[in-house]
Amino acid sequence: KALNSLSSRMVKAINETLHAWKALDDVMLVLLEGAGEKAFCA
């Protein structure tokens, strides 16, 4: 509904997730997307 605009909590979550996946052997690649049909991120 907010065209996937980034709040501070979202930025923190993305940052922490990417750091955690760096060392995770089960992650070979990352797909970054926006919910819905209108926006990746406004």
PDB file of all heavy atoms in Angstrom:
ATOM      1  N   LYS A   1       0.821  -1.220   0.000  1.00  0.00           N
ATOM      2  CA  LYS A   1       0.000   0.000   0.000  1.00  0.00           C
ATOM      3  C   LYS A   1       0.851   1.265   0.000  1.00  0.00           C
ATOM      4  O   LYS A   1       0.410   2.317  -0.468  1.00  0.00           O
ATOM      5  CB  LYS A   1      -0.943  -0.009   1.206  1.00  0.00           C
ATOM      6  CG  LYS A   1      -2.059  -1.043   1.105  1.00  0.00           C
ATOM      7  CD  LYS A   1      -3.003  -0.955   2.281  1.00  0.00           C
ATOM      8  CE  LYS A   1      -4.138  -1.970   2.152  1.00  0.00           C
ATOM      9  NZ  LYS A   1      -5.060  -1.922   3.323  1.00  0.00           N
ATOM     10  N   ALA A   2       2.069   1.161   0.520  1.00  0.00           N
ATOM     11  CA  ALA A   2       2.991   2.304   0.535  1.00  0.00           C
ATOM     12  C   ALA A   2       4.008   2.192  -0.592  1.00  0.00           C
ATOM     13  O   ALA A   2       5.067   2.823  -0.538  1.00  0.00           O
ATOM     14  CB  ALA A   2       3.699   2.380   1.882  1.00  0.00           C
ATOM     15  N   LEU A   3       3.684   1.396  -1.610  1.00  0.00           N
ATOM     16  CA  LEU A   3       4.566   1.185  -2.767  1.00  0.00           C
ATOM     17  C   LEU A   3       5.948   0.690  -2.340  1.00  0.00           C
ATOM     18  O   LEU A   3       6.951   1.008  -2.935  1.00  0.00           O
ATOM     19  CB  LEU A   3       4.679   2.468  -3.599  1.00  0.00           C
ATOM     20  CG  LEU A   3       3.362   3.006  -4.174  1.00  0.00           C
ATOM     21  CD1 LEU A   3       3.575   4.329  -4.885  1.00  0.00           C
ATOM     22  CD2 LEU A   3       2.716   1.989  -5.114  1.00  0.00           C
ATOM     23  N   ASN A   4       5.929  -0.118  -1.252  1.00  0.00           N
ATOM     24  CA  ASN A   4       7.139  -0.761  -0.729  1.00  0.00           C
ATOM     25  C   ASN A   4       8.226   0.230  -0.338  1.00  0.00           C
ATOM     26  O   ASN A   4       9.424  -0.073  -0.413  1.00  0.00           O
ATOM     27  CB  ASN A   4       7.678  -1.779  -1.739  1.00  0.00           C
ATOM     28  CG  ASN A   4       6.659  -2.859  -2.062  1.00  0.00           C
ATOM     29  OD1 ASN A   4       5.947  -3.336  -1.186  1.00  0.00           O
ATOM     30  ND2 ASN A   4       6.549  -3.221  -3.322  1.00  0.00           N
ATOM     31  N   SER A   5       7.805   1.427   0.094  1.00  0.00           N
ATOM     32  CA  SER A   5       8.790   2.414   0.550  1.00  0.00           C
ATOM     33  C   SER A   5       9.468   1.912   1.827  1.00  0.00           C
ATOM     34  O   SER A   5       8.872   1.213   2.649  1.00  0.00           O
ATOM     35  CB  SER A   5       8.133   3.777   0.783  1.00  0.00           C
ATOM     36  OG  SER A   5       7.115   3.689   1.754  1.00  0.00           O
ATOM     37  N   LEU A   6      10.727   2.292   1.988  1.00  0.00           N
ATOM     38  CA  LEU A   6      11.586   1.730   3.032  1.00  0.00           C
ATOM     39  C   LEU A   6      11.489   2.498   4.347  1.00  0.00           C
ATOM     40  O   LEU A   6      11.841   3.672   4.420  1.00  0.00           O
ATOM     41  CB  LEU A   6      13.044   1.760   2.569  1.00  0.00           C
ATOM     42  CG  LEU A   6      13.427   0.883   1.380  1.00  0.00           C
ATOM     43  CD1 LEU A   6      14.819   1.271   0.893  1.00  0.00           C
ATOM     44  CD2 LEU A   6      13.368  -0.581   1.750  1.00  0.00           C
ATOM     45  N   SER A   7      11.047   1.812   5.388  1.00  0.00           N
ATOM     46  CA  SER A   7      11.116   2.372   6.734  1.00  0.00           C
ATOM     47  C   SER A   7      12.464   1.997   7.346  1.00  0.00           C
ATOM     48  O   SER A   7      13.190   1.153   6.821  1.00  0.00           O
ATOM     49  CB  SER A   7       9.987   1.802   7.598  1.00  0.00           C
ATOM     50  OG  SER A   7      10.191   0.406   7.804  1.00  0.00           O
ATOM     51  N   SER A   8      12.792   2.597   8.472  1.00  0.00           N
ATOM     52  CA  SER A   8      14.051   2.274   9.140  1.00  0.00           C
ATOM     53  C   SER A   8      14.066   0.808   9.564  1.00  0.00           C
ATOM     54  O   SER A   8      15.107   0.139   9.499  1.00  0.00           O
ATOM     55  CB  SER A   8      14.268   3.190  10.348  1.00  0.00           C
ATOM     56  OG  SER A   8      13.171   3.123  11.240  1.00  0.00           O
ATOM     57  N   ARG A   9      12.926   0.281  10.002  1.00  0.00           N
ATOM     58  CA  ARG A   9      12.864  -1.130  10.407  1.00  0.00           C
ATOM     59  C   ARG A   9      13.109  -2.054   9.223  1.00  0.00           C
ATOM     60  O   ARG A   9      13.747  -3.108   9.359  1.00  0.00           O
ATOM     61  CB  ARG A   9      11.507  -1.439  11.038  1.00  0.00           C
ATOM     62  CG  ARG A   9      11.292  -0.805  12.403  1.00  0.00           C
ATOM     63  CD  ARG A   9      10.016  -1.279  13.041  1.00  0.00           C
ATOM     64  NE  ARG A   9       8.854  -1.004  12.194  1.00  0.00           N
ATOM     65  CZ  ARG A   9       7.626  -1.452  12.436  1.00  0.00           C
ATOM     66  NH1 ARG A   9       7.401  -2.221  13.488  1.00  0.00           N
ATOM     67  NH2 ARG A   9       6.630  -1.141  11.628  1.00  0.00           N
ATOM     68  N   MET A  10      12.608  -1.666   8.052  1.00  0.00           N
ATOM     69  CA  MET A  10      12.826  -2.484   6.862  1.00  0.00           C
ATOM     70  C   MET A  10      14.294  -2.516   6.460  1.00  0.00           C
ATOM     71  O   MET A  10      14.848  -3.563   6.118  1.00  0.00           O
ATOM     72  CB  MET A  10      11.971  -1.966   5.704  1.00  0.00           C
ATOM     73  CG  MET A  10      10.484  -2.187   5.883  1.00  0.00           C
ATOM     74  SD  MET A  10       9.519  -1.340   4.618  1.00  0.00           S
ATOM     75  CE  MET A  10       9.918  -2.305   3.152  1.00  0.00           C
ATOM     76  N   VAL A  11      14.936  -1.342   6.490  1.00  0.00           N
ATOM     77  CA  VAL A  11      16.354  -1.277   6.143  1.00  0.00           C
ATOM     78  C   VAL A  11      17.165  -2.148   7.099  1.00  0.00           C
ATOM     79  O   VAL A  11      18.066  -2.902   6.676  1.00  0.00           O
ATOM     80  CB  VAL A  11      16.856   0.176   6.169  1.00  0.00           C
ATOM     81  CG1 VAL A  11      18.369   0.231   6.029  1.00  0.00           C
ATOM     82  CG2 VAL A  11      16.200   0.983   5.062  1.00  0.00           C
ATOM     83  N   LYS A  12      16.854  -2.070   8.382  1.00  0.00           N
ATOM     84  CA  LYS A  12      17.544  -2.883   9.390  1.00  0.00           C
ATOM     85  C   LYS A  12      17.355  -4.369   9.099  1.00  0.00           C
ATOM     86  O   LYS A  12      18.305  -5.160   9.165  1.00  0.00           O
ATOM     87  CB  LYS A  12      17.022  -2.535  10.786  1.00  0.00           C
ATOM     88  CG  LYS A  12      17.727  -3.244  11.935  1.00  0.00           C
ATOM     89  CD  LYS A  12      17.240  -2.678  13.270  1.00  0.00           C
ATOM     90  CE  LYS A  12      17.979  -3.302  14.449  1.00  0.00           C
ATOM     91  NZ  LYS A  12      17.572  -4.689  14.693  1.00  0.00           N
ATOM     92  N   ALA A  13      16.132  -4.769   8.758  1.00  0.00           N
ATOM     93  CA  ALA A  13      15.836  -6.174   8.476  1.00  0.00           C
ATOM     94  C   ALA A  13      16.590  -6.673   7.248  1.00  0.00           C
ATOM     95  O   ALA A  13      17.140  -7.776   7.241  1.00  0.00           O
ATOM     96  CB  ALA A  13      14.332  -6.360   8.291  1.00  0.00           C
ATOM     97  N   ILE A  14      16.621  -5.861   6.190  1.00  0.00           N
ATOM     98  CA  ILE A  14      17.339  -6.244   4.963  1.00  0.00           C
ATOM     99  C   ILE A  14      18.831  -6.394   5.257  1.00  0.00           C
ATOM    100  O   ILE A  14      19.473  -7.365   4.846  1.00  0.00           O
ATOM    101  CB  ILE A  14      17.117  -5.202   3.851  1.00  0.00           C
ATOM    102  CG1 ILE A  14      15.642  -5.167   3.430  1.00  0.00           C
ATOM    103  CG2 ILE A  14      17.999  -5.506   2.636  1.00  0.00           C
ATOM    104  CD1 ILE A  14      15.276  -3.957   2.591  1.00  0.00           C
ATOM    105  N   ASN A  15      19.382  -5.418   5.982  1.00  0.00           N
ATOM    106  CA  ASN A  15      20.801  -5.436   6.307  1.00  0.00           C
ATOM    107  C   ASN A  15      21.166  -6.674   7.123  1.00  0.00           C
ATOM    108  O   ASN A  15      22.145  -7.377   6.817  1.00  0.00           O
ATOM    109  CB  ASN A  15      21.161  -4.156   7.056  1.00  0.00           C
ATOM    110  CG  ASN A  15      22.648  -4.002   7.280  1.00  0.00           C
ATOM    111  OD1 ASN A  15      23.224  -4.617   8.172  1.00  0.00           O
ATOM    112  ND2 ASN A  15      23.280  -3.166   6.465  1.00  0.00           N
ATOM    113  N   GLU A  16      20.383  -6.960   8.149  1.00  0.00           N
ATOM    114  CA  GLU A  16      20.671  -8.106   9.015  1.00  0.00           C
ATOM    115  C   GLU A  16      20.515  -9.420   8.264  1.00  0.00           C
ATOM    116  O   GLU A  16      21.308 -10.355   8.459  1.00  0.00           O
ATOM    117  CB  GLU A  16      19.747  -8.074  10.238  1.00  0.00           C
ATOM    118  CG  GLU A  16      20.078  -6.945  11.212  1.00  0.00           C
ATOM    119  CD  GLU A  16      19.109  -6.871  12.380  1.00  0.00           C
ATOM    120  OE1 GLU A  16      18.056  -7.571  12.334  1.00  0.00           O
ATOM    121  OE2 GLU A  16      19.381  -6.120  13.327  1.00  0.00           O
ATOM    122  N   THR A  17      19.514  -9.492   7.409  1.00  0.00           N
ATOM    123  CA  THR A  17      19.302 -10.713   6.622  1.00  0.00           C
ATOM    124  C   THR A  17      20.477 -10.982   5.699  1.00  0.00           C
ATOM    125  O   THR A  17      20.988 -12.109   5.635  1.00  0.00           O
ATOM    126  CB  THR A  17      18.005 -10.602   5.797  1.00  0.00           C
ATOM    127  OG1 THR A  17      16.892 -10.464   6.684  1.00  0.00           O
ATOM    128  CG2 THR A  17      17.800 -11.832   4.916  1.00  0.00           C
ATOM    129  N   LEU A  18      20.920  -9.968   4.991  1.00  0.00           N
ATOM    130  CA  LEU A  18      22.029 -10.139   4.060  1.00  0.00           C
ATOM    131  C   LEU A  18      23.316 -10.524   4.792  1.00  0.00           C
ATOM    132  O   LEU A  18      24.087 -11.366   4.318  1.00  0.00           O
ATOM    133  CB  LEU A  18      22.233  -8.865   3.243  1.00  0.00           C
ATOM    134  CG  LEU A  18      21.167  -8.586   2.178  1.00  0.00           C
ATOM    135  CD1 LEU A  18      21.360  -7.201   1.563  1.00  0.00           C
ATOM    136  CD2 LEU A  18      21.183  -9.656   1.087  1.00  0.00           C
ATOM    137  N   HIS A  19      23.539  -9.923   5.937  1.00  0.00           N
ATOM    138  CA  HIS A  19      24.726 -10.286   6.714  1.00  0.00           C
ATOM    139  C   HIS A  19      24.646 -11.746   7.171  1.00  0.00           C
ATOM    140  O   HIS A  19      25.649 -12.478   7.117  1.00  0.00           O
ATOM    141  CB  HIS A  19      24.892  -9.357   7.919  1.00  0.00           C
ATOM    142  CG  HIS A  19      25.636  -8.093   7.610  1.00  0.00           C
ATOM    143  ND1 HIS A  19      26.965  -8.085   7.236  1.00  0.00           N
ATOM    144  CD2 HIS A  19      25.231  -6.792   7.604  1.00  0.00           C
ATOM    145  CE1 HIS A  19      27.360  -6.837   7.022  1.00  0.00           C
ATOM    146  NE2 HIS A  19      26.323  -6.031   7.236  1.00  0.00           N
ATOM    147  N   ALA A  20      23.462 -12.174   7.601  1.00  0.00           N
ATOM    148  CA  ALA A  20      23.297 -13.557   8.060  1.00  0.00           C
ATOM    149  C   ALA A  20      23.494 -14.549   6.919  1.00  0.00           C
ATOM    150  O   ALA A  20      24.094 -15.618   7.101  1.00  0.00           O
ATOM    151  CB  ALA A  20      21.910 -13.732   8.678  1.00  0.00           C
ATOM    152  N   TRP A  21      23.017 -14.202   5.738  1.00  0.00           N
ATOM    153  CA  TRP A  21      23.107 -15.111   4.587  1.00  0.00           C
ATOM    154  C   TRP A  21      24.505 -15.181   3.983  1.00  0.00           C
ATOM    155  O   TRP A  21      24.816 -16.105   3.245  1.00  0.00           O
ATOM    156  CB  TRP A  21      22.105 -14.684   3.512  1.00  0.00           C
ATOM    157  CG  TRP A  21      20.682 -15.008   3.875  1.00  0.00           C
ATOM    158  CD1 TRP A  21      20.233 -15.706   4.950  1.00  0.00           C
ATOM    159  CD2 TRP A  21      19.512 -14.615   3.147  1.00  0.00           C
ATOM    160  NE1 TRP A  21      18.856 -15.780   4.948  1.00  0.00           N
ATOM    161  CE2 TRP A  21      18.397 -15.122   3.859  1.00  0.00           C
ATOM    162  CE3 TRP A  21      19.294 -13.873   1.978  1.00  0.00           C
ATOM    163  CZ2 TRP A  21      17.083 -14.928   3.414  1.00  0.00           C
ATOM    164  CZ3 TRP A  21      17.998 -13.679   1.543  1.00  0.00           C
ATOM    165  CH2 TRP A  21      16.898 -14.203   2.251  1.00  0.00           C
ATOM    166  N   LYS A  22      25.331 -14.204   4.288  1.00  0.00           N
ATOM    167  CA  LYS A  22      26.697 -14.215   3.771  1.00  0.00           C
ATOM    168  C   LYS A  22      27.404 -15.533   4.105  1.00  0.00           C
ATOM    169  O   LYS A  22      28.090 -16.124   3.273  1.00  0.00           O
ATOM    170  CB  LYS A  22      27.504 -13.064   4.387  1.00  0.00           C
ATOM    171  CG  LYS A  22      27.717 -11.866   3.495  1.00  0.00           C
ATOM    172  CD  LYS A  22      28.680 -10.922   4.205  1.00  0.00           C
ATOM    173  CE  LYS A  22      28.968  -9.693   3.366  1.00  0.00           C
ATOM    174  NZ  LYS A  22      29.954  -8.811   4.022  1.00  0.00           N
ATOM    175  N   ALA A  23      27.249 -15.949   5.349  1.00  0.00           N
ATOM    176  CA  ALA A  23      27.969 -17.128   5.832  1.00  0.00           C
ATOM    177  C   ALA A  23      27.151 -18.412   5.735  1.00  0.00           C
ATOM    178  O   ALA A  23      27.601 -19.467   6.171  1.00  0.00           O
ATOM    179  CB  ALA A  23      28.396 -16.897   7.283  1.00  0.00           C
ATOM    180  N   LEU A  24      25.959 -18.334   5.174  1.00  0.00           N
ATOM    181  CA  LEU A  24      25.076 -19.492   5.104  1.00  0.00           C
ATOM    182  C   LEU A  24      25.312 -20.239   3.794  1.00  0.00           C
ATOM    183  O   LEU A  24      25.008 -19.737   2.708  1.00  0.00           O
ATOM    184  CB  LEU A  24      23.615 -19.018   5.205  1.00  0.00           C
ATOM    185  CG  LEU A  24      22.559 -20.042   5.633  1.00  0.00           C
ATOM    186  CD1 LEU A  24      22.857 -20.554   7.048  1.00  0.00           C
ATOM    187  CD2 LEU A  24      21.171 -19.416   5.586  1.00  0.00           C
ATOM    188  N   ASP A  25      25.821 -21.447   3.898  1.00  0.00           N
ATOM    189  CA  ASP A  25      26.144 -22.225   2.699  1.00  0.00           C
ATOM    190  C   ASP A  25      24.904 -22.585   1.886  1.00  0.00           C
ATOM    191  O   ASP A  25      25.009 -22.844   0.685  1.00  0.00           O
ATOM    192  CB  ASP A  25      26.884 -23.507   3.095  1.00  0.00           C
ATOM    193  CG  ASP A  25      28.283 -23.232   3.632  1.00  0.00           C
ATOM    194  OD1 ASP A  25      28.815 -22.137   3.316  1.00  0.00           O
ATOM    195  OD2 ASP A  25      28.831 -24.080   4.355  1.00  0.00           O
ATOM    196  N   ASP A  26      23.751 -22.607   2.539  1.00  0.00           N
ATOM    197  CA  ASP A  26      22.511 -22.973   1.841  1.00  0.00           C
ATOM    198  C   ASP A  26      22.030 -21.873   0.893  1.00  0.00           C
ATOM    199  O   ASP A  26      21.147 -22.108   0.065  1.00  0.00           O
ATOM    200  CB  ASP A  26      21.397 -23.270   2.859  1.00  0.00           C
ATOM    201  CG  ASP A  26      21.618 -24.600   3.552  1.00  0.00           C
ATOM    202  OD1 ASP A  26      22.408 -25.409   3.023  1.00  0.00           O
ATOM    203  OD2 ASP A  26      21.017 -24.825   4.615  1.00  0.00           O
ATOM    204  N   VAL A  27      22.560 -20.653   1.027  1.00  0.00           N
ATOM    205  CA  VAL A  27      22.163 -19.549   0.149  1.00  0.00           C
ATOM    206  C   VAL A  27      23.205 -19.385  -0.950  1.00  0.00           C
ATOM    207  O   VAL A  27      24.358 -19.048  -0.689  1.00  0.00           O
ATOM    208  CB  VAL A  27      22.015 -18.222   0.928  1.00  0.00           C
ATOM    209  CG1 VAL A  27      21.674 -17.077  -0.029  1.00  0.00           C
ATOM    210  CG2 VAL A  27      20.937 -18.346   1.993  1.00  0.00           C
ATOM    211  N   MET A  28      22.771 -19.609  -2.194  1.00  0.00           N
ATOM    212  CA  MET A  28      23.670 -19.510  -3.342  1.00  0.00           C
ATOM    213  C   MET A  28      23.482 -18.207  -4.115  1.00  0.00           C
ATOM    214  O   MET A  28      24.386 -17.735  -4.791  1.00  0.00           O
ATOM    215  CB  MET A  28      23.459 -20.696  -4.284  1.00  0.00           C
ATOM    216  CG  MET A  28      23.603 -22.049  -3.609  1.00  0.00           C
ATOM    217  SD  MET A  28      25.233 -22.294  -2.874  1.00  0.00           S
ATOM    218  CE  MET A  28      26.272 -22.271  -4.325  1.00  0.00           C
ATOM    219  N   LEU A  29      22.268 -17.649  -4.002  1.00  0.00           N
ATOM    220  CA  LEU A  29      21.957 -16.386  -4.674  1.00  0.00           C
ATOM    221  C   LEU A  29      20.806 -15.719  -3.937  1.00  0.00           C
ATOM    222  O   LEU A  29      20.120 -16.358  -3.130  1.00  0.00           O
ATOM    223  CB  LEU A  29      21.598 -16.619  -6.137  1.00  0.00           C
ATOM    224  CG  LEU A  29      20.375 -17.498  -6.424  1.00  0.00           C
ATOM    225  CD1 LEU A  29      19.210 -16.665  -6.911  1.00  0.00           C
ATOM    226  CD2 LEU A  29      20.717 -18.561  -7.452  1.00  0.00           C
ATOM    227  N   VAL A  30      20.607 -14.428  -4.199  1.00  0.00           N
ATOM    228  CA  VAL A  30      19.555 -13.664  -3.518  1.00  0.00           C
ATOM    229  C   VAL A  30      18.646 -13.021  -4.551  1.00  0.00           C
ATOM    230  O   VAL A  30      19.121 -12.424  -5.529  1.00  0.00           O
ATOM    231  CB  VAL A  30      20.157 -12.569  -2.602  1.00  0.00           C
ATOM    232  CG1 VAL A  30      19.054 -11.713  -1.976  1.00  0.00           C
ATOM    233  CG2 VAL A  30      21.032 -13.202  -1.518  1.00  0.00           C
ATOM    234  N   LEU A  31      17.351 -13.153  -4.317  1.00  0.00           N
ATOM    235  CA  LEU A  31      16.332 -12.519  -5.169  1.00  0.00           C
ATOM    236  C   LEU A  31      15.694 -11.394  -4.375  1.00  0.00           C
ATOM    237  O   LEU A  31      15.141 -11.617  -3.294  1.00  0.00           O
ATOM    238  CB  LEU A  31      15.279 -13.547  -5.579  1.00  0.00           C
ATOM    239  CG  LEU A  31      14.157 -13.075  -6.499  1.00  0.00           C
ATOM    240  CD1 LEU A  31      14.700 -12.675  -7.857  1.00  0.00           C
ATOM    241  CD2 LEU A  31      13.107 -14.172  -6.663  1.00  0.00           C
ATOM    242  N   LEU A  32      15.788 -10.182  -4.888  1.00  0.00           N
ATOM    243  CA  LEU A  32      15.255  -8.992  -4.216  1.00  0.00           C
ATOM    244  C   LEU A  32      14.074  -8.476  -5.021  1.00  0.00           C
ATOM    245  O   LEU A  32      14.210  -8.162  -6.216  1.00  0.00           O
ATOM    246  CB  LEU A  32      16.358  -7.933  -4.122  1.00  0.00           C
ATOM    247  CG  LEU A  32      16.137  -6.673  -3.296  1.00  0.00           C
ATOM    248  CD1 LEU A  32      15.787  -7.011  -1.856  1.00  0.00           C
ATOM    249  CD2 LEU A  32      17.389  -5.801  -3.337  1.00  0.00           C
ATOM    250  N   GLU A  33      12.896  -8.371  -4.388  1.00  0.00           N
ATOM    251  CA  GLU A  33      11.671  -8.033  -5.112  1.00  0.00           C
ATOM    252  C   GLU A  33      10.741  -7.192  -4.247  1.00  0.00           C
ATOM    253  O   GLU A  33      10.920  -7.084  -3.034  1.00  0.00           O
ATOM    254  CB  GLU A  33      10.956  -9.313  -5.541  1.00  0.00           C
ATOM    255  CG  GLU A  33      10.516 -10.172  -4.355  1.00  0.00           C
ATOM    256  CD  GLU A  33       9.845 -11.479  -4.746  1.00  0.00           C
ATOM    257  OE1 GLU A  33       9.788 -11.793  -5.955  1.00  0.00           O
ATOM    258  OE2 GLU A  33       9.373 -12.191  -3.839  1.00  0.00           O
ATOM    259  N   GLY A  34       9.734  -6.612  -4.892  1.00  0.00           N
ATOM    260  CA  GLY A  34       8.707  -5.860  -4.184  1.00  0.00           C
ATOM    261  C   GLY A  34       7.375  -6.576  -4.273  1.00  0.00           C
ATOM    262  O   GLY A  34       7.072  -7.222  -5.280  1.00  0.00           O
ATOM    263  N   ALA A  35       6.565  -6.467  -3.227  1.00  0.00           N
ATOM    264  CA  ALA A  35       5.249  -7.086  -3.226  1.00  0.00           C
ATOM    265  C   ALA A  35       4.292  -6.316  -4.137  1.00  0.00           C
ATOM    266  O   ALA A  35       4.407  -5.096  -4.293  1.00  0.00           O
ATOM    267  CB  ALA A  35       4.693  -7.128  -1.808  1.00  0.00           C
ATOM    268  N   GLY A  36       3.356  -7.036  -4.743  1.00  0.00           N
ATOM    269  CA  GLY A  36       2.346  -6.392  -5.578  1.00  0.00           C
ATOM    270  C   GLY A  36       2.829  -6.130  -6.986  1.00  0.00           C
ATOM    271  O   GLY A  36       3.943  -6.492  -7.365  1.00  0.00           O
ATOM    272  N   GLU A  37       1.979  -5.455  -7.742  1.00  0.00           N
ATOM    273  CA  GLU A  37       2.259  -5.237  -9.164  1.00  0.00           C
ATOM    274  C   GLU A  37       2.673  -3.803  -9.493  1.00  0.00           C
ATOM    275  O   GLU A  37       3.019  -3.513 -10.627  1.00  0.00           O
ATOM    276  CB  GLU A  37       1.016  -5.597  -9.992  1.00  0.00           C
ATOM    277  CG  GLU A  37       0.613  -7.063  -9.873  1.00  0.00           C
ATOM    278  CD  GLU A  37      -0.602  -7.393 -10.720  1.00  0.00           C
ATOM    279  OE1 GLU A  37      -1.190  -6.451 -11.303  1.00  0.00           O
ATOM    280  OE2 GLU A  37      -0.961  -8.580 -10.791  1.00  0.00           O
ATOM    281  N   LYS A  38       2.659  -2.913  -8.504  1.00  0.00           N
ATOM    282  CA  LYS A  38       2.899  -1.503  -8.807  1.00  0.00           C
ATOM    283  C   LYS A  38       4.336  -1.048  -8.616  1.00  0.00           C
ATOM    284  O   LYS A  38       4.786  -0.136  -9.309  1.00  0.00           O
ATOM    285  CB  LYS A  38       1.979  -0.617  -7.953  1.00  0.00           C
ATOM    286  CG  LYS A  38       0.512  -0.720  -8.315  1.00  0.00           C
ATOM    287  CD  LYS A  38      -0.316   0.249  -7.484  1.00  0.00           C
ATOM    288  CE  LYS A  38      -1.791   0.198  -7.876  1.00  0.00           C
ATOM    289  NZ  LYS A  38      -2.605   1.137  -7.049  1.00  0.00           N
ATOM    290  N   ALA A  39       5.039  -1.650  -7.658  1.00  0.00           N
ATOM    291  CA  ALA A  39       6.350  -1.079  -7.309  1.00  0.00           C
ATOM    292  C   ALA A  39       7.335  -2.127  -6.832  1.00  0.00           C
ATOM    293  O   ALA A  39       6.972  -3.067  -6.115  1.00  0.00           O
ATOM    294  CB  ALA A  39       6.181  -0.014  -6.232  1.00  0.00           C
ATOM    295  N   PHE A  40       8.588  -1.936  -7.233  1.00  0.00           N
ATOM    296  CA  PHE A  40       9.706  -2.604  -6.570  1.00  0.00           C
ATOM    297  C   PHE A  40       9.943  -1.889  -5.245  1.00  0.00           C
ATOM    298  O   PHE A  40       9.845  -2.463  -4.169  1.00  0.00           O
ATOM    299  CB  PHE A  40      10.951  -2.560  -7.454  1.00  0.00           C
ATOM    300  CG  PHE A  40      12.221  -2.935  -6.744  1.00  0.00           C
ATOM    301  CD1 PHE A  40      12.426  -4.234  -6.298  1.00  0.00           C
ATOM    302  CD2 PHE A  40      13.219  -1.987  -6.512  1.00  0.00           C
ATOM    303  CE1 PHE A  40      13.602  -4.578  -5.624  1.00  0.00           C
ATOM    304  CE2 PHE A  40      14.396  -2.332  -5.854  1.00  0.00           C
ATOM    305  CZ  PHE A  40      14.588  -3.626  -5.412  1.00  0.00           C
ATOM    306  N   CYS A  41      10.212  -0.593  -5.310  1.00  0.00           N
ATOM    307  CA  CYS A  41      10.378   0.233  -4.115  1.00  0.00           C
ATOM    308  C   CYS A  41      10.331   1.695  -4.529  1.00  0.00           C
ATOM    309  O   CYS A  41      11.130   2.122  -5.360  1.00  0.00           O
ATOM    310  CB  CYS A  41      11.698  -0.086  -3.422  1.00  0.00           C
ATOM    311  SG  CYS A  41      12.071   1.008  -2.030  1.00  0.00           S
ATOM    312  N   ALA A  42       9.405   2.451  -3.933  1.00  0.00           N
ATOM    313  CA  ALA A  42       9.220   3.852  -4.317  1.00  0.00           C
ATOM    314  C   ALA A  42      10.133   4.804  -3.573  1.00  0.00           C
ATOM    315  O   ALA A  42      10.027   6.027  -3.744  1.00  0.00           O
ATOM    316  CB  ALA A  42       7.758   4.257  -4.099  1.00  0.00           C
TER     317      ALA A  42
END
